[in-house]
Amino acid sequence: MGYDLDNPKILKTLGSKIELQEANLRGLNTYARGARYTLLLGLALFTGAVAYFVSGNPTMGAWLTAYGLLGCVTYYLFSPLLNHFAQTSRQELTELQDLKDQAQQRQKANQT
């Protein structure tokens, strides 16, 4: 997207876009942390399933295995997507900050 860096309102516009992108990145980091917790929960359920299989309760072991598998699959499906979106968000944030710096330099040069 092209921006008119000589426009006097561009600093405010870029500042708000930077804030929105930072909030988006924080949200993506929170989702990624939640995905890791889902993986840990799935692994804990597998451990519990082994305990139930050993103790002679295969039905509960099977249910825990299924839920553990669901947790692990959820992590492996969503984690790459979250990482991709976070990386893209970081790149866009860097570009917006560079544009804001350029706009500040241009406006300083125009004032002198």
PDB file of N, CA and C in Angstrom:
ATOM      1  N   MET A   1       0.856  -1.166   0.000  1.00  0.00           N
ATOM      2  CA  MET A   1       0.000   0.000   0.000  1.00  0.00           C
ATOM      3  C   MET A   1       0.899   1.225   0.000  1.00  0.00           C
ATOM      4  N   GLY A   2       0.596   2.184  -0.845  1.00  0.00           N
ATOM      5  CA  GLY A   2       1.381   3.392  -0.926  1.00  0.00           C
ATOM      6  C   GLY A   2       0.861   4.462   0.016  1.00  0.00           C
ATOM      7  N   TYR A   3       1.788   5.202   0.579  1.00  0.00           N
ATOM      8  CA  TYR A   3       1.446   6.279   1.505  1.00  0.00           C
ATOM      9  C   TYR A   3       2.084   7.565   1.011  1.00  0.00           C
ATOM     10  N   ASP A   4       1.369   8.661   1.181  1.00  0.00           N
ATOM     11  CA  ASP A   4       1.911   9.976   0.877  1.00  0.00           C
ATOM     12  C   ASP A   4       2.675  10.441   2.109  1.00  0.00           C
ATOM     13  N   LEU A   5       3.984  10.273   2.074  1.00  0.00           N
ATOM     14  CA  LEU A   5       4.797  10.570   3.249  1.00  0.00           C
ATOM     15  C   LEU A   5       4.930  12.063   3.511  1.00  0.00           C
ATOM     16  N   ASP A   6       4.502  12.913   2.574  1.00  0.00           N
ATOM     17  CA  ASP A   6       4.560  14.357   2.777  1.00  0.00           C
ATOM     18  C   ASP A   6       3.275  14.904   3.396  1.00  0.00           C
ATOM     19  N   ASN A   7       2.255  14.091   3.485  1.00  0.00           N
ATOM     20  CA  ASN A   7       0.979  14.494   4.073  1.00  0.00           C
ATOM     21  C   ASN A   7       1.179  14.747   5.575  1.00  0.00           C
ATOM     22  N   PRO A   8       0.678  15.862   6.096  1.00  0.00           N
ATOM     23  CA  PRO A   8       0.875  16.161   7.521  1.00  0.00           C
ATOM     24  C   PRO A   8       0.161  15.173   8.449  1.00  0.00           C
ATOM     25  N   LYS A   9      -0.855  14.473   7.962  1.00  0.00           N
ATOM     26  CA  LYS A   9      -1.597  13.539   8.809  1.00  0.00           C
ATOM     27  C   LYS A   9      -1.036  12.116   8.762  1.00  0.00           C
ATOM     28  N   ILE A  10       0.023  11.912   7.987  1.00  0.00           N
ATOM     29  CA  ILE A  10       0.525  10.550   7.799  1.00  0.00           C
ATOM     30  C   ILE A  10       1.134   9.972   9.068  1.00  0.00           C
ATOM     31  N   LEU A  11       1.743  10.826   9.904  1.00  0.00           N
ATOM     32  CA  LEU A  11       2.359  10.317  11.134  1.00  0.00           C
ATOM     33  C   LEU A  11       1.297   9.730  12.065  1.00  0.00           C
ATOM     34  N   LYS A  12       0.170  10.409  12.138  1.00  0.00           N
ATOM     35  CA  LYS A  12      -0.916   9.900  12.975  1.00  0.00           C
ATOM     36  C   LYS A  12      -1.482   8.603  12.393  1.00  0.00           C
ATOM     37  N   THR A  13      -1.644   8.559  11.082  1.00  0.00           N
ATOM     38  CA  THR A  13      -2.160   7.361  10.416  1.00  0.00           C
ATOM     39  C   THR A  13      -1.220   6.175  10.609  1.00  0.00           C
ATOM     40  N   LEU A  14       0.062   6.400  10.378  1.00  0.00           N
ATOM     41  CA  LEU A  14       1.034   5.323  10.550  1.00  0.00           C
ATOM     42  C   LEU A  14       1.140   4.903  12.016  1.00  0.00           C
ATOM     43  N   GLY A  15       1.044   5.862  12.922  1.00  0.00           N
ATOM     44  CA  GLY A  15       1.075   5.535  14.348  1.00  0.00           C
ATOM     45  C   GLY A  15      -0.071   4.626  14.745  1.00  0.00           C
ATOM     46  N   SER A  16      -1.271   4.916  14.232  1.00  0.00           N
ATOM     47  CA  SER A  16      -2.416   4.059  14.568  1.00  0.00           C
ATOM     48  C   SER A  16      -2.283   2.679  13.926  1.00  0.00           C
ATOM     49  N   LYS A  17      -1.749   2.612  12.702  1.00  0.00           N
ATOM     50  CA  LYS A  17      -1.542   1.316  12.053  1.00  0.00           C
ATOM     51  C   LYS A  17      -0.483   0.496  12.798  1.00  0.00           C
ATOM     52  N   ILE A  18       0.539   1.159  13.306  1.00  0.00           N
ATOM     53  CA  ILE A  18       1.568   0.478  14.084  1.00  0.00           C
ATOM     54  C   ILE A  18       0.970  -0.085  15.370  1.00  0.00           C
ATOM     55  N   GLU A  19       0.145   0.711  16.035  1.00  0.00           N
ATOM     56  CA  GLU A  19      -0.506   0.229  17.263  1.00  0.00           C
ATOM     57  C   GLU A  19      -1.392  -0.984  16.982  1.00  0.00           C
ATOM     58  N   LEU A  20      -2.145  -0.937  15.887  1.00  0.00           N
ATOM     59  CA  LEU A  20      -2.993  -2.071  15.532  1.00  0.00           C
ATOM     60  C   LEU A  20      -2.167  -3.317  15.219  1.00  0.00           C
ATOM     61  N   GLN A  21      -1.051  -3.131  14.540  1.00  0.00           N
ATOM     62  CA  GLN A  21      -0.206  -4.269  14.187  1.00  0.00           C
ATOM     63  C   GLN A  21       0.460  -4.855  15.431  1.00  0.00           C
ATOM     64  N   GLU A  22       0.846  -3.992  16.377  1.00  0.00           N
ATOM     65  CA  GLU A  22       1.424  -4.489  17.633  1.00  0.00           C
ATOM     66  C   GLU A  22       0.392  -5.284  18.421  1.00  0.00           C
ATOM     67  N   ALA A  23      -0.853  -4.805  18.443  1.00  0.00           N
ATOM     68  CA  ALA A  23      -1.926  -5.536  19.130  1.00  0.00           C
ATOM     69  C   ALA A  23      -2.180  -6.875  18.451  1.00  0.00           C
ATOM     70  N   ASN A  24      -2.158  -6.885  17.136  1.00  0.00           N
ATOM     71  CA  ASN A  24      -2.338  -8.136  16.381  1.00  0.00           C
ATOM     72  C   ASN A  24      -1.229  -9.129  16.727  1.00  0.00           C
ATOM     73  N   LEU A  25      -0.004  -8.641  16.806  1.00  0.00           N
ATOM     74  CA  LEU A  25       1.128  -9.502  17.128  1.00  0.00           C
ATOM     75  C   LEU A  25       1.016 -10.056  18.551  1.00  0.00           C
ATOM     76  N   ARG A  26       0.574  -9.225  19.488  1.00  0.00           N
ATOM     77  CA  ARG A  26       0.368  -9.717  20.857  1.00  0.00           C
ATOM     78  C   ARG A  26      -0.691 -10.816  20.882  1.00  0.00           C
ATOM     79  N   GLY A  27      -1.764 -10.635  20.133  1.00  0.00           N
ATOM     80  CA  GLY A  27      -2.807 -11.656  20.059  1.00  0.00           C
ATOM     81  C   GLY A  27      -2.292 -12.955  19.462  1.00  0.00           C
ATOM     82  N   LEU A  28      -1.501 -12.860  18.404  1.00  0.00           N
ATOM     83  CA  LEU A  28      -0.935 -14.061  17.784  1.00  0.00           C
ATOM     84  C   LEU A  28       0.014 -14.777  18.733  1.00  0.00           C
ATOM     85  N   ASN A  29       0.787 -14.011  19.513  1.00  0.00           N
ATOM     86  CA  ASN A  29       1.674 -14.629  20.495  1.00  0.00           C
ATOM     87  C   ASN A  29       0.871 -15.346  21.579  1.00  0.00           C
ATOM     88  N   THR A  30      -0.251 -14.758  21.976  1.00  0.00           N
ATOM     89  CA  THR A  30      -1.117 -15.395  22.971  1.00  0.00           C
ATOM     90  C   THR A  30      -1.702 -16.688  22.422  1.00  0.00           C
ATOM     91  N   TYR A  31      -2.142 -16.662  21.175  1.00  0.00           N
ATOM     92  CA  TYR A  31      -2.688 -17.874  20.558  1.00  0.00           C
ATOM     93  C   TYR A  31      -1.613 -18.958  20.448  1.00  0.00           C
ATOM     94  N   ALA A  32      -0.385 -18.567  20.101  1.00  0.00           N
ATOM     95  CA  ALA A  32       0.706 -19.541  19.987  1.00  0.00           C
ATOM     96  C   ALA A  32       1.012 -20.167  21.349  1.00  0.00           C
ATOM     97  N   ARG A  33       0.965 -19.362  22.402  1.00  0.00           N
ATOM     98  CA  ARG A  33       1.176 -19.898  23.743  1.00  0.00           C
ATOM     99  C   ARG A  33       0.055 -20.883  24.101  1.00  0.00           C
ATOM    100  N   GLY A  34      -1.169 -20.539  23.737  1.00  0.00           N
ATOM    101  CA  GLY A  34      -2.296 -21.445  23.971  1.00  0.00           C
ATOM    102  C   GLY A  34      -2.144 -22.750  23.215  1.00  0.00           C
ATOM    103  N   ALA A  35      -1.608 -22.685  22.003  1.00  0.00           N
ATOM    104  CA  ALA A  35      -1.377 -23.906  21.227  1.00  0.00           C
ATOM    105  C   ALA A  35      -0.330 -24.781  21.909  1.00  0.00           C
ATOM    106  N   ARG A  36       0.721 -24.156  22.467  1.00  0.00           N
ATOM    107  CA  ARG A  36       1.729 -24.941  23.194  1.00  0.00           C
ATOM    108  C   ARG A  36       1.119 -25.595  24.432  1.00  0.00           C
ATOM    109  N   TYR A  37       0.251 -24.881  25.131  1.00  0.00           N
ATOM    110  CA  TYR A  37      -0.425 -25.464  26.293  1.00  0.00           C
ATOM    111  C   TYR A  37      -1.315 -26.631  25.878  1.00  0.00           C
ATOM    112  N   THR A  38      -1.931 -26.521  24.718  1.00  0.00           N
ATOM    113  CA  THR A  38      -2.757 -27.619  24.201  1.00  0.00           C
ATOM    114  C   THR A  38      -1.896 -28.848  23.941  1.00  0.00           C
ATOM    115  N   LEU A  39      -0.703 -28.643  23.401  1.00  0.00           N
ATOM    116  CA  LEU A  39       0.214 -29.759  23.185  1.00  0.00           C
ATOM    117  C   LEU A  39       0.605 -30.392  24.518  1.00  0.00           C
ATOM    118  N   LEU A  40       0.955 -29.569  25.485  1.00  0.00           N
ATOM    119  CA  LEU A  40       1.341 -30.099  26.794  1.00  0.00           C
ATOM    120  C   LEU A  40       0.190 -30.865  27.440  1.00  0.00           C
ATOM    121  N   LEU A  41      -1.016 -30.335  27.304  1.00  0.00           N
ATOM    122  CA  LEU A  41      -2.186 -31.022  27.845  1.00  0.00           C
ATOM    123  C   LEU A  41      -2.389 -32.369  27.145  1.00  0.00           C
ATOM    124  N   GLY A  42      -2.217 -32.396  25.833  1.00  0.00           N
ATOM    125  CA  GLY A  42      -2.345 -33.644  25.087  1.00  0.00           C
ATOM    126  C   GLY A  42      -1.326 -34.676  25.538  1.00  0.00           C
ATOM    127  N   LEU A  43      -0.086 -34.229  25.758  1.00  0.00           N
ATOM    128  CA  LEU A  43       0.942 -35.159  26.226  1.00  0.00           C
ATOM    129  C   LEU A  43       0.638 -35.662  27.633  1.00  0.00           C
ATOM    130  N   ALA A  44       0.108 -34.790  28.487  1.00  0.00           N
ATOM    131  CA  ALA A  44      -0.284 -35.210  29.836  1.00  0.00           C
ATOM    132  C   ALA A  44      -1.428 -36.229  29.769  1.00  0.00           C
ATOM    133  N   LEU A  45      -2.350 -36.033  28.848  1.00  0.00           N
ATOM    134  CA  LEU A  45      -3.442 -36.994  28.694  1.00  0.00           C
ATOM    135  C   LEU A  45      -2.927 -38.347  28.222  1.00  0.00           C
ATOM    136  N   PHE A  46      -1.923 -38.347  27.338  1.00  0.00           N
ATOM    137  CA  PHE A  46      -1.316 -39.616  26.926  1.00  0.00           C
ATOM    138  C   PHE A  46      -0.691 -40.329  28.123  1.00  0.00           C
ATOM    139  N   THR A  47      -0.027 -39.567  28.978  1.00  0.00           N
ATOM    140  CA  THR A  47       0.574 -40.156  30.178  1.00  0.00           C
ATOM    141  C   THR A  47      -0.498 -40.767  31.072  1.00  0.00           C
ATOM    142  N   GLY A  48      -1.604 -40.041  31.250  1.00  0.00           N
ATOM    143  CA  GLY A  48      -2.712 -40.577  32.032  1.00  0.00           C
ATOM    144  C   GLY A  48      -3.322 -41.810  31.391  1.00  0.00           C
ATOM    145  N   ALA A  49      -3.366 -41.824  30.073  1.00  0.00           N
ATOM    146  CA  ALA A  49      -3.926 -42.981  29.365  1.00  0.00           C
ATOM    147  C   ALA A  49      -3.085 -44.218  29.618  1.00  0.00           C
ATOM    148  N   VAL A  50      -1.767 -44.052  29.601  1.00  0.00           N
ATOM    149  CA  VAL A  50      -0.885 -45.190  29.875  1.00  0.00           C
ATOM    150  C   VAL A  50      -1.154 -45.718  31.274  1.00  0.00           C
ATOM    151  N   ALA A  51      -1.335 -44.820  32.237  1.00  0.00           N
ATOM    152  CA  ALA A  51      -1.606 -45.245  33.615  1.00  0.00           C
ATOM    153  C   ALA A  51      -2.917 -46.025  33.693  1.00  0.00           C
ATOM    154  N   TYR A  52      -3.927 -45.581  32.965  1.00  0.00           N
ATOM    155  CA  TYR A  52      -5.207 -46.294  32.991  1.00  0.00           C
ATOM    156  C   TYR A  52      -5.119 -47.640  32.274  1.00  0.00           C
ATOM    157  N   PHE A  53      -4.355 -47.719  31.188  1.00  0.00           N
ATOM    158  CA  PHE A  53      -4.191 -48.997  30.503  1.00  0.00           C
ATOM    159  C   PHE A  53      -3.480 -50.000  31.412  1.00  0.00           C
ATOM    160  N   VAL A  54      -2.467 -49.532  32.129  1.00  0.00           N
ATOM    161  CA  VAL A  54      -1.707 -50.402  33.022  1.00  0.00           C
ATOM    162  C   VAL A  54      -2.569 -50.862  34.201  1.00  0.00           C
ATOM    163  N   SER A  55      -3.433 -49.970  34.705  1.00  0.00           N
ATOM    164  CA  SER A  55      -4.241 -50.302  35.881  1.00  0.00           C
ATOM    165  C   SER A  55      -5.442 -51.188  35.545  1.00  0.00           C
ATOM    166  N   GLY A  56      -5.665 -51.465  34.276  1.00  0.00           N
ATOM    167  CA  GLY A  56      -6.737 -52.376  33.905  1.00  0.00           C
ATOM    168  C   GLY A  56      -8.037 -51.688  33.541  1.00  0.00           C
ATOM    169  N   ASN A  57      -7.997 -50.407  33.217  1.00  0.00           N
ATOM    170  CA  ASN A  57      -9.202 -49.689  32.813  1.00  0.00           C
ATOM    171  C   ASN A  57      -9.000 -49.194  31.371  1.00  0.00           C
ATOM    172  N   PRO A  58      -9.162 -50.071  30.382  1.00  0.00           N
ATOM    173  CA  PRO A  58      -8.860 -49.696  29.000  1.00  0.00           C
ATOM    174  C   PRO A  58      -9.841 -48.684  28.410  1.00  0.00           C
ATOM    175  N   THR A  59     -11.063 -48.640  28.912  1.00  0.00           N
ATOM    176  CA  THR A  59     -12.031 -47.685  28.362  1.00  0.00           C
ATOM    177  C   THR A  59     -11.589 -46.255  28.650  1.00  0.00           C
ATOM    178  N   MET A  60     -11.237 -45.988  29.890  1.00  0.00           N
ATOM    179  CA  MET A  60     -10.774 -44.642  30.241  1.00  0.00           C
ATOM    180  C   MET A  60      -9.455 -44.336  29.546  1.00  0.00           C
ATOM    181  N   GLY A  61      -8.600 -45.338  29.417  1.00  0.00           N
ATOM    182  CA  GLY A  61      -7.343 -45.152  28.695  1.00  0.00           C
ATOM    183  C   GLY A  61      -7.575 -44.790  27.241  1.00  0.00           C
ATOM    184  N   ALA A  62      -8.571 -45.408  26.623  1.00  0.00           N
ATOM    185  CA  ALA A  62      -8.885 -45.104  25.224  1.00  0.00           C
ATOM    186  C   ALA A  62      -9.414 -43.682  25.081  1.00  0.00           C
ATOM    187  N   TRP A  63     -10.284 -43.266  26.020  1.00  0.00           N
ATOM    188  CA  TRP A  63     -10.807 -41.895  25.962  1.00  0.00           C
ATOM    189  C   TRP A  63      -9.682 -40.878  26.141  1.00  0.00           C
ATOM    190  N   LEU A  64      -8.802 -41.131  27.092  1.00  0.00           N
ATOM    191  CA  LEU A  64      -7.686 -40.200  27.313  1.00  0.00           C
ATOM    192  C   LEU A  64      -6.733 -40.182  26.126  1.00  0.00           C
ATOM    193  N   THR A  65      -6.549 -41.329  25.503  1.00  0.00           N
ATOM    194  CA  THR A  65      -5.712 -41.379  24.298  1.00  0.00           C
ATOM    195  C   THR A  65      -6.333 -40.539  23.186  1.00  0.00           C
ATOM    196  N   ALA A  66      -7.636 -40.656  23.002  1.00  0.00           N
ATOM    197  CA  ALA A  66      -8.313 -39.883  21.952  1.00  0.00           C
ATOM    198  C   ALA A  66      -8.211 -38.381  22.212  1.00  0.00           C
ATOM    199  N   TYR A  67      -8.445 -37.980  23.462  1.00  0.00           N
ATOM    200  CA  TYR A  67      -8.336 -36.548  23.775  1.00  0.00           C
ATOM    201  C   TYR A  67      -6.902 -36.054  23.682  1.00  0.00           C
ATOM    202  N   GLY A  68      -5.958 -36.881  24.068  1.00  0.00           N
ATOM    203  CA  GLY A  68      -4.551 -36.517  23.921  1.00  0.00           C
ATOM    204  C   GLY A  68      -4.166 -36.354  22.465  1.00  0.00           C
ATOM    205  N   LEU A  69      -4.647 -37.254  21.634  1.00  0.00           N
ATOM    206  CA  LEU A  69      -4.392 -37.156  20.198  1.00  0.00           C
ATOM    207  C   LEU A  69      -5.017 -35.885  19.624  1.00  0.00           C
ATOM    208  N   LEU A  70      -6.210 -35.573  20.063  1.00  0.00           N
ATOM    209  CA  LEU A  70      -6.869 -34.345  19.602  1.00  0.00           C
ATOM    210  C   LEU A  70      -6.059 -33.105  19.980  1.00  0.00           C
ATOM    211  N   GLY A  71      -5.536 -33.073  21.198  1.00  0.00           N
ATOM    212  CA  GLY A  71      -4.720 -31.943  21.621  1.00  0.00           C
ATOM    213  C   GLY A  71      -3.455 -31.809  20.805  1.00  0.00           C
ATOM    214  N   CYS A  72      -2.779 -32.922  20.541  1.00  0.00           N
ATOM    215  CA  CYS A  72      -1.532 -32.884  19.762  1.00  0.00           C
ATOM    216  C   CYS A  72      -1.786 -32.507  18.305  1.00  0.00           C
ATOM    217  N   VAL A  73      -2.833 -33.054  17.726  1.00  0.00           N
ATOM    218  CA  VAL A  73      -3.161 -32.724  16.332  1.00  0.00           C
ATOM    219  C   VAL A  73      -3.543 -31.246  16.213  1.00  0.00           C
ATOM    220  N   THR A  74      -4.276 -30.742  17.190  1.00  0.00           N
ATOM    221  CA  THR A  74      -4.635 -29.326  17.182  1.00  0.00           C
ATOM    222  C   THR A  74      -3.382 -28.455  17.168  1.00  0.00           C
ATOM    223  N   TYR A  75      -2.412 -28.806  17.991  1.00  0.00           N
ATOM    224  CA  TYR A  75      -1.162 -28.044  18.020  1.00  0.00           C
ATOM    225  C   TYR A  75      -0.459 -28.104  16.668  1.00  0.00           C
ATOM    226  N   TYR A  76      -0.314 -29.300  16.119  1.00  0.00           N
ATOM    227  CA  TYR A  76       0.435 -29.444  14.876  1.00  0.00           C
ATOM    228  C   TYR A  76      -0.290 -28.864  13.669  1.00  0.00           C
ATOM    229  N   LEU A  77      -1.587 -28.658  13.756  1.00  0.00           N
ATOM    230  CA  LEU A  77      -2.310 -28.007  12.667  1.00  0.00           C
ATOM    231  C   LEU A  77      -2.228 -26.488  12.752  1.00  0.00           C
ATOM    232  N   PHE A  78      -2.347 -25.955  13.959  1.00  0.00           N
ATOM    233  CA  PHE A  78      -2.452 -24.505  14.100  1.00  0.00           C
ATOM    234  C   PHE A  78      -1.132 -23.803  14.366  1.00  0.00           C
ATOM    235  N   SER A  79      -0.169 -24.483  14.924  1.00  0.00           N
ATOM    236  CA  SER A  79       1.098 -23.837  15.246  1.00  0.00           C
ATOM    237  C   SER A  79       1.815 -23.275  14.007  1.00  0.00           C
ATOM    238  N   PRO A  80       1.920 -24.017  12.899  1.00  0.00           N
ATOM    239  CA  PRO A  80       2.575 -23.428  11.720  1.00  0.00           C
ATOM    240  C   PRO A  80       1.827 -22.206  11.176  1.00  0.00           C
ATOM    241  N   LEU A  81       0.507 -22.246  11.227  1.00  0.00           N
ATOM    242  CA  LEU A  81      -0.261 -21.084  10.766  1.00  0.00           C
ATOM    243  C   LEU A  81      -0.001 -19.873  11.641  1.00  0.00           C
ATOM    244  N   LEU A  82      -0.006 -20.083  12.941  1.00  0.00           N
ATOM    245  CA  LEU A  82       0.241 -18.976  13.868  1.00  0.00           C
ATOM    246  C   LEU A  82       1.643 -18.415  13.693  1.00  0.00           C
ATOM    247  N   ASN A  83       2.619 -19.291  13.501  1.00  0.00           N
ATOM    248  CA  ASN A  83       3.990 -18.824  13.274  1.00  0.00           C
ATOM    249  C   ASN A  83       4.098 -18.019  11.988  1.00  0.00           C
ATOM    250  N   HIS A  84       3.432 -18.475  10.937  1.00  0.00           N
ATOM    251  CA  HIS A  84       3.455 -17.747   9.665  1.00  0.00           C
ATOM    252  C   HIS A  84       2.826 -16.367   9.807  1.00  0.00           C
ATOM    253  N   PHE A  85       1.651 -16.308  10.434  1.00  0.00           N
ATOM    254  CA  PHE A  85       0.987 -15.023  10.600  1.00  0.00           C
ATOM    255  C   PHE A  85       1.776 -14.088  11.505  1.00  0.00           C
ATOM    256  N   ALA A  86       2.428 -14.622  12.534  1.00  0.00           N
ATOM    257  CA  ALA A  86       3.246 -13.787  13.410  1.00  0.00           C
ATOM    258  C   ALA A  86       4.457 -13.238  12.662  1.00  0.00           C
ATOM    259  N   GLN A  87       5.077 -14.064  11.835  1.00  0.00           N
ATOM    260  CA  GLN A  87       6.226 -13.607  11.054  1.00  0.00           C
ATOM    261  C   GLN A  87       5.806 -12.516  10.061  1.00  0.00           C
ATOM    262  N   THR A  88       4.680 -12.719   9.399  1.00  0.00           N
ATOM    263  CA  THR A  88       4.171 -11.721   8.465  1.00  0.00           C
ATOM    264  C   THR A  88       3.834 -10.430   9.194  1.00  0.00           C
ATOM    265  N   SER A  89       3.267 -10.546  10.367  1.00  0.00           N
ATOM    266  CA  SER A  89       2.905  -9.375  11.161  1.00  0.00           C
ATOM    267  C   SER A  89       4.151  -8.611  11.589  1.00  0.00           C
ATOM    268  N   ARG A  90       5.208  -9.327  11.975  1.00  0.00           N
ATOM    269  CA  ARG A  90       6.459  -8.660  12.352  1.00  0.00           C
ATOM    270  C   ARG A  90       7.064  -7.913  11.169  1.00  0.00           C
ATOM    271  N   GLN A  91       7.025  -8.520   9.992  1.00  0.00           N
ATOM    272  CA  GLN A  91       7.558  -7.862   8.797  1.00  0.00           C
ATOM    273  C   GLN A  91       6.773  -6.596   8.477  1.00  0.00           C
ATOM    274  N   GLU A  92       5.452  -6.681   8.556  1.00  0.00           N
ATOM    275  CA  GLU A  92       4.626  -5.517   8.270  1.00  0.00           C
ATOM    276  C   GLU A  92       4.857  -4.421   9.301  1.00  0.00           C
ATOM    277  N   LEU A  93       5.042  -4.814  10.559  1.00  0.00           N
ATOM    278  CA  LEU A  93       5.311  -3.835  11.611  1.00  0.00           C
ATOM    279  C   LEU A  93       6.630  -3.119  11.344  1.00  0.00           C
ATOM    280  N   THR A  94       7.639  -3.855  10.931  1.00  0.00           N
ATOM    281  CA  THR A  94       8.935  -3.255  10.599  1.00  0.00           C
ATOM    282  C   THR A  94       8.803  -2.283   9.431  1.00  0.00           C
ATOM    283  N   GLU A  95       8.045  -2.673   8.411  1.00  0.00           N
ATOM    284  CA  GLU A  95       7.841  -1.795   7.254  1.00  0.00           C
ATOM    285  C   GLU A  95       7.109  -0.521   7.655  1.00  0.00           C
ATOM    286  N   LEU A  96       6.095  -0.645   8.496  1.00  0.00           N
ATOM    287  CA  LEU A  96       5.351   0.535   8.945  1.00  0.00           C
ATOM    288  C   LEU A  96       6.236   1.465   9.767  1.00  0.00           C
ATOM    289  N   GLN A  97       7.079   0.896  10.618  1.00  0.00           N
ATOM    290  CA  GLN A  97       7.973   1.735  11.417  1.00  0.00           C
ATOM    291  C   GLN A  97       8.993   2.435  10.532  1.00  0.00           C
ATOM    292  N   ASP A  98       9.490   1.747   9.503  1.00  0.00           N
ATOM    293  CA  ASP A  98      10.412   2.377   8.557  1.00  0.00           C
ATOM    294  C   ASP A  98       9.723   3.511   7.807  1.00  0.00           C
ATOM    295  N   LEU A  99       8.488   3.285   7.376  1.00  0.00           N
ATOM    296  CA  LEU A  99       7.740   4.348   6.692  1.00  0.00           C
ATOM    297  C   LEU A  99       7.515   5.543   7.612  1.00  0.00           C
ATOM    298  N   LYS A 100       7.238   5.281   8.865  1.00  0.00           N
ATOM    299  CA  LYS A 100       7.026   6.383   9.812  1.00  0.00           C
ATOM    300  C   LYS A 100       8.312   7.177  10.001  1.00  0.00           C
ATOM    301  N   ASP A 101       9.438   6.485  10.090  1.00  0.00           N
ATOM    302  CA  ASP A 101      10.726   7.179  10.203  1.00  0.00           C
ATOM    303  C   ASP A 101      11.007   8.026   8.964  1.00  0.00           C
ATOM    304  N   GLN A 102      10.714   7.481   7.790  1.00  0.00           N
ATOM    305  CA  GLN A 102      10.913   8.244   6.555  1.00  0.00           C
ATOM    306  C   GLN A 102      10.015   9.468   6.519  1.00  0.00           C
ATOM    307  N   ALA A 103       8.767   9.299   6.947  1.00  0.00           N
ATOM    308  CA  ALA A 103       7.837  10.426   6.948  1.00  0.00           C
ATOM    309  C   ALA A 103       8.305  11.508   7.914  1.00  0.00           C
ATOM    310  N   GLN A 104       8.808  11.109   9.078  1.00  0.00           N
ATOM    311  CA  GLN A 104       9.323  12.099  10.029  1.00  0.00           C
ATOM    312  C   GLN A 104      10.509  12.852   9.454  1.00  0.00           C
ATOM    313  N   GLN A 105      11.412  12.148   8.767  1.00  0.00           N
ATOM    314  CA  GLN A 105      12.561  12.795   8.162  1.00  0.00           C
ATOM    315  C   GLN A 105      12.143  13.754   7.056  1.00  0.00           C
ATOM    316  N   ARG A 106      11.177  13.337   6.233  1.00  0.00           N
ATOM    317  CA  ARG A 106      10.693  14.214   5.162  1.00  0.00           C
ATOM    318  C   ARG A 106      10.033  15.477   5.713  1.00  0.00           C
ATOM    319  N   GLN A 107       9.235  15.296   6.752  1.00  0.00           N
ATOM    320  CA  GLN A 107       8.526  16.457   7.303  1.00  0.00           C
ATOM    321  C   GLN A 107       9.496  17.392   8.007  1.00  0.00           C
ATOM    322  N   LYS A 108      10.543  16.845   8.597  1.00  0.00           N
ATOM    323  CA  LYS A 108      11.571  17.693   9.203  1.00  0.00           C
ATOM    324  C   LYS A 108      12.295  18.478   8.134  1.00  0.00           C
ATOM    325  N   ALA A 109      12.617  17.801   7.012  1.00  0.00           N
ATOM    326  CA  ALA A 109      13.296  18.458   5.903  1.00  0.00           C
ATOM    327  C   ALA A 109      12.419  19.527   5.276  1.00  0.00           C
ATOM    328  N   ASN A 110      11.114  19.325   5.200  1.00  0.00           N
ATOM    329  CA  ASN A 110      10.210  20.308   4.612  1.00  0.00           C
ATOM    330  C   ASN A 110      10.013  21.524   5.511  1.00  0.00           C
ATOM    331  N   GLN A 111      10.190  21.349   6.813  1.00  0.00           N
ATOM    332  CA  GLN A 111      10.015  22.476   7.736  1.00  0.00           C
ATOM    333  C   GLN A 111      11.205  23.417   7.701  1.00  0.00           C
ATOM    334  N   THR A 112      12.369  22.892   7.343  1.00  0.00           N
ATOM    335  CA  THR A 112      13.564  23.772   7.338  1.00  0.00           C
ATOM    336  C   THR A 112      13.745  24.475   6.038  1.00  0.00           C
TER     337      THR A 112
END
